[in-house]
Protein backbone atom coordinates (compact mmCIF):
# COMPACT_ATOMS: atom_id res chain seq x y z
CA UNK A 1 0.00 0.00 0.00
CA UNK A 2 1.29 3.45 -0.90
CA UNK A 3 0.69 6.26 1.57
CA UNK A 4 1.39 9.92 0.79
CA UNK A 5 3.77 11.70 3.09
CA UNK A 6 3.85 15.46 3.32
CA UNK A 7 2.93 18.57 5.19
CA UNK A 8 2.95 22.34 5.23
CA UNK A 9 3.14 23.76 8.73
CA UNK A 10 2.60 27.46 9.30
CA UNK A 11 0.73 29.53 11.87
CA UNK A 12 -0.76 32.45 10.00
CA UNK A 13 -1.30 35.70 11.87
CA UNK A 14 -3.53 38.28 10.23
CA UNK A 15 -2.02 40.87 12.58
CA UNK A 16 1.35 40.67 10.81
CA UNK A 17 1.50 42.78 7.65
CA UNK A 18 4.59 41.10 6.16
CA UNK A 19 3.57 38.12 4.02
CA UNK A 20 5.26 34.75 4.40
CA UNK A 21 7.55 34.05 1.45
CA UNK A 22 9.30 30.95 0.17
CA UNK A 23 12.49 32.02 1.97
CA UNK A 24 10.62 31.90 5.30
CA UNK A 25 9.92 28.19 4.74
CA UNK A 26 13.45 27.49 3.57
CA UNK A 27 14.86 29.24 6.67
CA UNK A 28 12.30 27.70 9.05
CA UNK A 29 12.80 23.97 9.50
CA UNK A 30 13.41 23.53 5.79
CA UNK A 31 11.60 22.71 2.59
CA UNK A 32 11.92 19.15 1.33
CA UNK A 33 10.50 17.81 -1.93
CA UNK A 34 10.12 14.14 -2.74
CA UNK A 35 12.80 11.70 -1.63
CA UNK A 36 14.94 14.37 0.07
CA UNK A 37 12.27 14.57 2.79
CA UNK A 38 12.49 10.82 3.39
CA UNK A 39 16.27 11.01 3.65
CA UNK A 40 16.10 14.01 6.01
CA UNK A 41 13.51 12.57 8.42
CA UNK A 42 14.33 8.84 8.42
CA UNK A 43 15.41 7.82 11.94
CA UNK A 44 14.59 11.19 13.52
CA UNK A 45 12.59 11.72 16.70
CA UNK A 46 9.85 13.65 14.88
CA UNK A 47 6.36 12.65 13.73
CA UNK A 48 7.55 12.23 10.15
CA UNK A 49 10.48 10.07 11.26
CA UNK A 50 8.13 7.89 13.30
CA UNK A 51 5.78 7.54 10.34
CA UNK A 52 8.69 6.40 8.16
CA UNK A 53 9.78 3.86 10.79
CA UNK A 54 6.22 2.54 11.01
CA UNK A 55 5.88 2.35 7.24
CA UNK A 56 9.08 0.29 7.01
CA UNK A 57 7.99 -1.98 9.86
CA UNK A 58 4.54 -2.65 8.39
CA UNK A 59 5.45 -2.79 4.70
CA UNK A 60 3.88 0.46 3.50
CA UNK A 61 5.47 2.46 0.69
CA UNK A 62 5.72 6.17 1.53
CA UNK A 63 5.06 8.45 -1.46
CA UNK A 64 6.86 11.65 -0.47
CA UNK A 65 5.29 14.90 -1.65
CA UNK A 66 6.45 18.04 0.10
CA UNK A 67 7.27 18.85 3.73
CA UNK A 68 7.95 22.38 4.96
CA UNK A 69 7.67 24.58 8.02
CA UNK A 70 7.78 28.35 8.57
CA UNK A 71 7.61 30.16 11.89
CA UNK A 72 4.44 32.17 12.67
CA UNK A 73 4.09 35.11 10.33
CA UNK A 74 1.67 36.76 7.89
CA UNK A 75 -0.38 35.27 5.08
CA UNK A 76 1.52 33.03 2.68
CA UNK A 77 2.21 34.67 -0.68
CA UNK A 78 0.45 33.09 -3.64
CA UNK A 79 3.74 32.81 -5.57
CA UNK A 80 5.07 30.70 -2.70
CA UNK A 81 2.21 28.23 -3.17
CA UNK A 82 2.93 28.18 -6.88
CA UNK A 83 6.48 26.90 -6.22
CA UNK A 84 4.94 23.76 -4.67
CA UNK A 85 3.84 21.90 -7.82
CA UNK A 86 3.62 18.55 -6.06
CA UNK A 87 0.11 18.07 -4.71
CA UNK A 88 -1.90 15.01 -3.68
CA UNK A 89 -3.87 15.34 -6.91
CA UNK A 90 -0.82 15.41 -9.19
CA UNK A 91 0.85 12.54 -7.31
CA UNK A 92 -2.35 10.49 -7.48
CA UNK A 93 -2.38 11.01 -11.25
CA UNK A 94 1.26 9.91 -11.47
CA UNK A 95 0.41 6.69 -9.65
CA UNK A 96 -2.80 6.17 -11.64
CA UNK A 97 -4.89 6.27 -8.51
CA UNK A 98 -8.48 7.23 -9.05
CA UNK A 99 -9.73 7.60 -5.50
CA UNK A 100 -7.28 9.06 -2.97
CA UNK A 101 -8.61 8.64 0.59
CA UNK A 102 -7.82 11.40 3.04
CA UNK A 103 -6.75 10.33 6.51
CA UNK A 104 -5.73 13.46 8.41
CA UNK A 105 -2.51 14.76 6.90
CA UNK A 106 -1.97 11.63 4.79
CA UNK A 107 -3.54 10.37 1.56
CA UNK A 108 -3.83 6.67 0.83
CA UNK A 109 -3.66 5.48 -2.78
CA UNK A 110 -4.13 1.82 -1.89
C-alpha atoms as a PDB file:
ATOM      1  CA  UNK A   1       0.000   0.000   0.000  1.00  0.00           C
ATOM      2  CA  UNK A   2       1.289   3.453  -0.902  1.00  0.00           C
ATOM      3  CA  UNK A   3       0.688   6.264   1.566  1.00  0.00           C
ATOM      4  CA  UNK A   4       1.394   9.917   0.786  1.00  0.00           C
ATOM      5  CA  UNK A   5       3.772  11.698   3.085  1.00  0.00           C
ATOM      6  CA  UNK A   6       3.852  15.459   3.320  1.00  0.00           C
ATOM      7  CA  UNK A   7       2.926  18.569   5.189  1.00  0.00           C
ATOM      8  CA  UNK A   8       2.952  22.336   5.234  1.00  0.00           C
ATOM      9  CA  UNK A   9       3.145  23.763   8.734  1.00  0.00           C
ATOM     10  CA  UNK A  10       2.598  27.462   9.303  1.00  0.00           C
ATOM     11  CA  UNK A  11       0.733  29.525  11.869  1.00  0.00           C
ATOM     12  CA  UNK A  12      -0.759  32.453   9.998  1.00  0.00           C
ATOM     13  CA  UNK A  13      -1.296  35.701  11.871  1.00  0.00           C
ATOM     14  CA  UNK A  14      -3.525  38.279  10.228  1.00  0.00           C
ATOM     15  CA  UNK A  15      -2.020  40.873  12.578  1.00  0.00           C
ATOM     16  CA  UNK A  16       1.348  40.670  10.811  1.00  0.00           C
ATOM     17  CA  UNK A  17       1.505  42.775   7.650  1.00  0.00           C
ATOM     18  CA  UNK A  18       4.586  41.098   6.161  1.00  0.00           C
ATOM     19  CA  UNK A  19       3.570  38.124   4.016  1.00  0.00           C
ATOM     20  CA  UNK A  20       5.257  34.746   4.401  1.00  0.00           C
ATOM     21  CA  UNK A  21       7.548  34.048   1.452  1.00  0.00           C
ATOM     22  CA  UNK A  22       9.305  30.947   0.174  1.00  0.00           C
ATOM     23  CA  UNK A  23      12.493  32.021   1.970  1.00  0.00           C
ATOM     24  CA  UNK A  24      10.619  31.898   5.302  1.00  0.00           C
ATOM     25  CA  UNK A  25       9.920  28.190   4.740  1.00  0.00           C
ATOM     26  CA  UNK A  26      13.454  27.491   3.567  1.00  0.00           C
ATOM     27  CA  UNK A  27      14.863  29.236   6.675  1.00  0.00           C
ATOM     28  CA  UNK A  28      12.304  27.699   9.047  1.00  0.00           C
ATOM     29  CA  UNK A  29      12.797  23.966   9.502  1.00  0.00           C
ATOM     30  CA  UNK A  30      13.413  23.527   5.793  1.00  0.00           C
ATOM     31  CA  UNK A  31      11.601  22.712   2.587  1.00  0.00           C
ATOM     32  CA  UNK A  32      11.919  19.149   1.326  1.00  0.00           C
ATOM     33  CA  UNK A  33      10.505  17.809  -1.929  1.00  0.00           C
ATOM     34  CA  UNK A  34      10.117  14.138  -2.744  1.00  0.00           C
ATOM     35  CA  UNK A  35      12.796  11.698  -1.633  1.00  0.00           C
ATOM     36  CA  UNK A  36      14.944  14.365   0.066  1.00  0.00           C
ATOM     37  CA  UNK A  37      12.271  14.571   2.786  1.00  0.00           C
ATOM     38  CA  UNK A  38      12.486  10.824   3.387  1.00  0.00           C
ATOM     39  CA  UNK A  39      16.274  11.014   3.651  1.00  0.00           C
ATOM     40  CA  UNK A  40      16.097  14.005   6.011  1.00  0.00           C
ATOM     41  CA  UNK A  41      13.512  12.565   8.416  1.00  0.00           C
ATOM     42  CA  UNK A  42      14.329   8.842   8.419  1.00  0.00           C
ATOM     43  CA  UNK A  43      15.408   7.816  11.941  1.00  0.00           C
ATOM     44  CA  UNK A  44      14.586  11.193  13.519  1.00  0.00           C
ATOM     45  CA  UNK A  45      12.587  11.724  16.697  1.00  0.00           C
ATOM     46  CA  UNK A  46       9.853  13.651  14.880  1.00  0.00           C
ATOM     47  CA  UNK A  47       6.361  12.649  13.727  1.00  0.00           C
ATOM     48  CA  UNK A  48       7.550  12.228  10.147  1.00  0.00           C
ATOM     49  CA  UNK A  49      10.476  10.072  11.265  1.00  0.00           C
ATOM     50  CA  UNK A  50       8.128   7.886  13.303  1.00  0.00           C
ATOM     51  CA  UNK A  51       5.784   7.539  10.342  1.00  0.00           C
ATOM     52  CA  UNK A  52       8.690   6.401   8.157  1.00  0.00           C
ATOM     53  CA  UNK A  53       9.775   3.858  10.787  1.00  0.00           C
ATOM     54  CA  UNK A  54       6.216   2.544  11.007  1.00  0.00           C
ATOM     55  CA  UNK A  55       5.882   2.349   7.236  1.00  0.00           C
ATOM     56  CA  UNK A  56       9.076   0.288   7.007  1.00  0.00           C
ATOM     57  CA  UNK A  57       7.992  -1.985   9.858  1.00  0.00           C
ATOM     58  CA  UNK A  58       4.541  -2.651   8.392  1.00  0.00           C
ATOM     59  CA  UNK A  59       5.455  -2.793   4.701  1.00  0.00           C
ATOM     60  CA  UNK A  60       3.882   0.465   3.501  1.00  0.00           C
ATOM     61  CA  UNK A  61       5.469   2.459   0.687  1.00  0.00           C
ATOM     62  CA  UNK A  62       5.720   6.171   1.526  1.00  0.00           C
ATOM     63  CA  UNK A  63       5.055   8.445  -1.456  1.00  0.00           C
ATOM     64  CA  UNK A  64       6.859  11.651  -0.475  1.00  0.00           C
ATOM     65  CA  UNK A  65       5.286  14.897  -1.651  1.00  0.00           C
ATOM     66  CA  UNK A  66       6.451  18.039   0.105  1.00  0.00           C
ATOM     67  CA  UNK A  67       7.274  18.848   3.728  1.00  0.00           C
ATOM     68  CA  UNK A  68       7.949  22.376   4.961  1.00  0.00           C
ATOM     69  CA  UNK A  69       7.670  24.585   8.021  1.00  0.00           C
ATOM     70  CA  UNK A  70       7.777  28.353   8.570  1.00  0.00           C
ATOM     71  CA  UNK A  71       7.610  30.155  11.888  1.00  0.00           C
ATOM     72  CA  UNK A  72       4.440  32.168  12.672  1.00  0.00           C
ATOM     73  CA  UNK A  73       4.092  35.115  10.327  1.00  0.00           C
ATOM     74  CA  UNK A  74       1.673  36.760   7.892  1.00  0.00           C
ATOM     75  CA  UNK A  75      -0.382  35.271   5.076  1.00  0.00           C
ATOM     76  CA  UNK A  76       1.517  33.025   2.678  1.00  0.00           C
ATOM     77  CA  UNK A  77       2.210  34.675  -0.678  1.00  0.00           C
ATOM     78  CA  UNK A  78       0.447  33.090  -3.645  1.00  0.00           C
ATOM     79  CA  UNK A  79       3.735  32.813  -5.570  1.00  0.00           C
ATOM     80  CA  UNK A  80       5.070  30.698  -2.701  1.00  0.00           C
ATOM     81  CA  UNK A  81       2.207  28.231  -3.167  1.00  0.00           C
ATOM     82  CA  UNK A  82       2.931  28.180  -6.882  1.00  0.00           C
ATOM     83  CA  UNK A  83       6.479  26.895  -6.217  1.00  0.00           C
ATOM     84  CA  UNK A  84       4.943  23.760  -4.670  1.00  0.00           C
ATOM     85  CA  UNK A  85       3.844  21.901  -7.824  1.00  0.00           C
ATOM     86  CA  UNK A  86       3.623  18.550  -6.058  1.00  0.00           C
ATOM     87  CA  UNK A  87       0.111  18.065  -4.706  1.00  0.00           C
ATOM     88  CA  UNK A  88      -1.901  15.010  -3.675  1.00  0.00           C
ATOM     89  CA  UNK A  89      -3.871  15.338  -6.912  1.00  0.00           C
ATOM     90  CA  UNK A  90      -0.819  15.410  -9.193  1.00  0.00           C
ATOM     91  CA  UNK A  91       0.853  12.544  -7.313  1.00  0.00           C
ATOM     92  CA  UNK A  92      -2.351  10.493  -7.482  1.00  0.00           C
ATOM     93  CA  UNK A  93      -2.378  11.009 -11.246  1.00  0.00           C
ATOM     94  CA  UNK A  94       1.262   9.915 -11.466  1.00  0.00           C
ATOM     95  CA  UNK A  95       0.406   6.689  -9.650  1.00  0.00           C
ATOM     96  CA  UNK A  96      -2.798   6.165 -11.644  1.00  0.00           C
ATOM     97  CA  UNK A  97      -4.888   6.274  -8.510  1.00  0.00           C
ATOM     98  CA  UNK A  98      -8.479   7.234  -9.046  1.00  0.00           C
ATOM     99  CA  UNK A  99      -9.728   7.602  -5.497  1.00  0.00           C
ATOM    100  CA  UNK A 100      -7.284   9.055  -2.965  1.00  0.00           C
ATOM    101  CA  UNK A 101      -8.605   8.636   0.586  1.00  0.00           C
ATOM    102  CA  UNK A 102      -7.817  11.399   3.037  1.00  0.00           C
ATOM    103  CA  UNK A 103      -6.754  10.328   6.512  1.00  0.00           C
ATOM    104  CA  UNK A 104      -5.732  13.460   8.412  1.00  0.00           C
ATOM    105  CA  UNK A 105      -2.510  14.757   6.897  1.00  0.00           C
ATOM    106  CA  UNK A 106      -1.971  11.625   4.791  1.00  0.00           C
ATOM    107  CA  UNK A 107      -3.542  10.365   1.556  1.00  0.00           C
ATOM    108  CA  UNK A 108      -3.830   6.668   0.834  1.00  0.00           C
ATOM    109  CA  UNK A 109      -3.665   5.480  -2.783  1.00  0.00           C
ATOM    110  CA  UNK A 110      -4.128   1.817  -1.891  1.00  0.00           C
END
